[in-house]
Amino acid sequence: MINKIRENGINSQHMYMAGFASVGLSAASWMISRMAEGSGMNRADHWGIFIGQWAPTFFVLGVALRLEEMQDGKHEPTMGKSKMESRMAGNSRMSSPT
């Protein structure tokens, strides 16, 4: 399944973004449903929970894709380094004399 997702051009970053979007969409749908509908809190809770359940799935797929990407060498693990530190380390390797 992960290979099919990758073949369609989706990478781990896309899945992580979808997970965070799901969290935001869950809160927004809960608020909108709560204010717009007269059905009360139960209906709003159902909408928020329904959309909120997507987030873990997206995050797990993101992790699975990230592991596949690391095996293929498309991403170098940073081991807690910031993006800036990783870039600086990459630049120093390029500019060092051989």
C-alpha atoms as a PDB file:
ATOM      1  CA  MET A   1       0.000   0.000   0.000  1.00  0.00           C
ATOM      2  CA  ILE A   2       2.843   2.390   0.820  1.00  0.00           C
ATOM      3  CA  ASN A   3       4.386   1.773  -2.597  1.00  0.00           C
ATOM      4  CA  LYS A   4       1.086   2.654  -4.303  1.00  0.00           C
ATOM      5  CA  ILE A   5       0.910   5.901  -2.330  1.00  0.00           C
ATOM      6  CA  ARG A   6       4.484   6.763  -3.335  1.00  0.00           C
ATOM      7  CA  GLU A   7       3.786   5.920  -6.986  1.00  0.00           C
ATOM      8  CA  ASN A   8       1.045   8.560  -6.926  1.00  0.00           C
ATOM      9  CA  GLY A   9       3.573  11.224  -5.928  1.00  0.00           C
ATOM     10  CA  ILE A  10       2.607  11.523  -2.272  1.00  0.00           C
ATOM     11  CA  ASN A  11       5.462  11.766   0.214  1.00  0.00           C
ATOM     12  CA  SER A  12       5.747  11.854   4.000  1.00  0.00           C
ATOM     13  CA  GLN A  13       5.505  15.649   4.160  1.00  0.00           C
ATOM     14  CA  HIS A  14       2.143  15.548   2.378  1.00  0.00           C
ATOM     15  CA  MET A  15       0.823  13.088   4.961  1.00  0.00           C
ATOM     16  CA  TYR A  16       2.116  15.149   7.885  1.00  0.00           C
ATOM     17  CA  MET A  17       0.447  18.257   6.453  1.00  0.00           C
ATOM     18  CA  ALA A  18      -2.800  16.309   5.999  1.00  0.00           C
ATOM     19  CA  GLY A  19      -2.616  15.200   9.646  1.00  0.00           C
ATOM     20  CA  PHE A  20      -2.190  18.741  10.936  1.00  0.00           C
ATOM     21  CA  ALA A  21      -4.912  19.984   8.579  1.00  0.00           C
ATOM     22  CA  SER A  22      -7.210  17.280   9.944  1.00  0.00           C
ATOM     23  CA  VAL A  23      -6.652  18.509  13.500  1.00  0.00           C
ATOM     24  CA  GLY A  24      -7.473  22.091  12.470  1.00  0.00           C
ATOM     25  CA  LEU A  25     -10.442  21.009  10.390  1.00  0.00           C
ATOM     26  CA  SER A  26     -11.747  18.969  13.305  1.00  0.00           C
ATOM     27  CA  ALA A  27     -11.737  21.998  15.606  1.00  0.00           C
ATOM     28  CA  ALA A  28     -13.235  24.234  12.922  1.00  0.00           C
ATOM     29  CA  SER A  29     -16.009  21.778  12.071  1.00  0.00           C
ATOM     30  CA  TRP A  30     -16.846  21.389  15.745  1.00  0.00           C
ATOM     31  CA  MET A  31     -17.130  25.161  16.204  1.00  0.00           C
ATOM     32  CA  ILE A  32     -19.103  25.721  13.011  1.00  0.00           C
ATOM     33  CA  SER A  33     -21.458  22.820  13.730  1.00  0.00           C
ATOM     34  CA  ARG A  34     -21.962  24.022  17.277  1.00  0.00           C
ATOM     35  CA  MET A  35     -22.848  27.569  16.187  1.00  0.00           C
ATOM     36  CA  ALA A  36     -24.746  26.859  12.964  1.00  0.00           C
ATOM     37  CA  GLU A  37     -26.947  23.952  13.906  1.00  0.00           C
ATOM     38  CA  GLY A  38     -29.650  23.824  16.508  1.00  0.00           C
ATOM     39  CA  SER A  39     -28.989  20.125  17.156  1.00  0.00           C
ATOM     40  CA  GLY A  40     -26.856  20.940  20.150  1.00  0.00           C
ATOM     41  CA  MET A  41     -23.512  19.816  21.402  1.00  0.00           C
ATOM     42  CA  ASN A  42     -23.922  16.109  20.528  1.00  0.00           C
ATOM     43  CA  ARG A  43     -24.012  16.749  16.795  1.00  0.00           C
ATOM     44  CA  ALA A  44     -21.025  19.116  16.981  1.00  0.00           C
ATOM     45  CA  ASP A  45     -19.055  16.549  18.976  1.00  0.00           C
ATOM     46  CA  HIS A  46     -19.784  13.847  16.401  1.00  0.00           C
ATOM     47  CA  TRP A  47     -18.472  16.005  13.543  1.00  0.00           C
ATOM     48  CA  GLY A  48     -15.342  17.000  15.452  1.00  0.00           C
ATOM     49  CA  ILE A  49     -14.575  13.444  16.476  1.00  0.00           C
ATOM     50  CA  PHE A  50     -15.264  12.053  12.983  1.00  0.00           C
ATOM     51  CA  ILE A  51     -12.786  14.391  11.314  1.00  0.00           C
ATOM     52  CA  GLY A  52     -10.333  14.195  14.224  1.00  0.00           C
ATOM     53  CA  GLN A  53      -9.998  10.450  13.730  1.00  0.00           C
ATOM     54  CA  TRP A  54      -8.299  11.019  10.390  1.00  0.00           C
ATOM     55  CA  ALA A  55      -5.216  12.643  11.943  1.00  0.00           C
ATOM     56  CA  PRO A  56      -3.606   9.499  13.432  1.00  0.00           C
ATOM     57  CA  THR A  57      -4.030   7.680  10.131  1.00  0.00           C
ATOM     58  CA  PHE A  58      -2.296  10.464   8.218  1.00  0.00           C
ATOM     59  CA  PHE A  59       0.533  10.650  10.768  1.00  0.00           C
ATOM     60  CA  VAL A  60       1.102   6.869  10.709  1.00  0.00           C
ATOM     61  CA  LEU A  61       1.162   6.865   6.907  1.00  0.00           C
ATOM     62  CA  GLY A  62       3.608   9.785   7.064  1.00  0.00           C
ATOM     63  CA  VAL A  63       5.924   7.793   9.315  1.00  0.00           C
ATOM     64  CA  ALA A  64       5.691   4.740   7.049  1.00  0.00           C
ATOM     65  CA  LEU A  65       6.475   6.851   3.992  1.00  0.00           C
ATOM     66  CA  ARG A  66       9.361   8.537   5.819  1.00  0.00           C
ATOM     67  CA  LEU A  67      10.876   5.148   6.660  1.00  0.00           C
ATOM     68  CA  GLU A  68      10.585   4.075   3.019  1.00  0.00           C
ATOM     69  CA  GLU A  69      12.143   7.357   1.874  1.00  0.00           C
ATOM     70  CA  MET A  70      15.061   6.879   4.285  1.00  0.00           C
ATOM     71  CA  GLN A  71      15.641   3.336   3.004  1.00  0.00           C
ATOM     72  CA  ASP A  72      15.770   4.656  -0.552  1.00  0.00           C
ATOM     73  CA  GLY A  73      18.206   7.373   0.478  1.00  0.00           C
ATOM     74  CA  LYS A  74      15.878  10.240  -0.428  1.00  0.00           C
ATOM     75  CA  HIS A  75      16.071  11.706   3.075  1.00  0.00           C
ATOM     76  CA  GLU A  76      19.055  11.846   5.361  1.00  0.00           C
ATOM     77  CA  PRO A  77      18.106  11.481   9.028  1.00  0.00           C
ATOM     78  CA  THR A  78      19.035  14.621  10.954  1.00  0.00           C
ATOM     79  CA  MET A  79      19.172  13.071  14.448  1.00  0.00           C
ATOM     80  CA  GLY A  80      17.633  16.123  16.092  1.00  0.00           C
ATOM     81  CA  LYS A  81      19.497  18.715  14.060  1.00  0.00           C
ATOM     82  CA  SER A  82      17.610  21.704  12.781  1.00  0.00           C
ATOM     83  CA  LYS A  83      17.233  22.214   9.044  1.00  0.00           C
ATOM     84  CA  MET A  84      19.682  25.096   9.202  1.00  0.00           C
ATOM     85  CA  GLU A  85      22.329  22.964  10.945  1.00  0.00           C
ATOM     86  CA  SER A  86      21.883  20.215   8.364  1.00  0.00           C
ATOM     87  CA  ARG A  87      22.259  22.698   5.509  1.00  0.00           C
ATOM     88  CA  MET A  88      25.326  24.260   7.067  1.00  0.00           C
ATOM     89  CA  ALA A  89      26.924  20.843   7.508  1.00  0.00           C
ATOM     90  CA  GLY A  90      26.148  20.056   3.870  1.00  0.00           C
ATOM     91  CA  ASN A  91      27.695  23.346   2.711  1.00  0.00           C
ATOM     92  CA  SER A  92      30.853  22.783   4.733  1.00  0.00           C
ATOM     93  CA  ARG A  93      31.318  19.381   3.110  1.00  0.00           C
ATOM     94  CA  MET A  94      31.018  20.940  -0.308  1.00  0.00           C
ATOM     95  CA  SER A  95      33.468  23.765   0.350  1.00  0.00           C
ATOM     96  CA  SER A  96      36.183  21.775   2.139  1.00  0.00           C
ATOM     97  CA  PRO A  97      39.304  21.171   0.063  1.00  0.00           C
ATOM     98  CA  THR A  98      40.088  17.632  -0.988  1.00  0.00           C
END
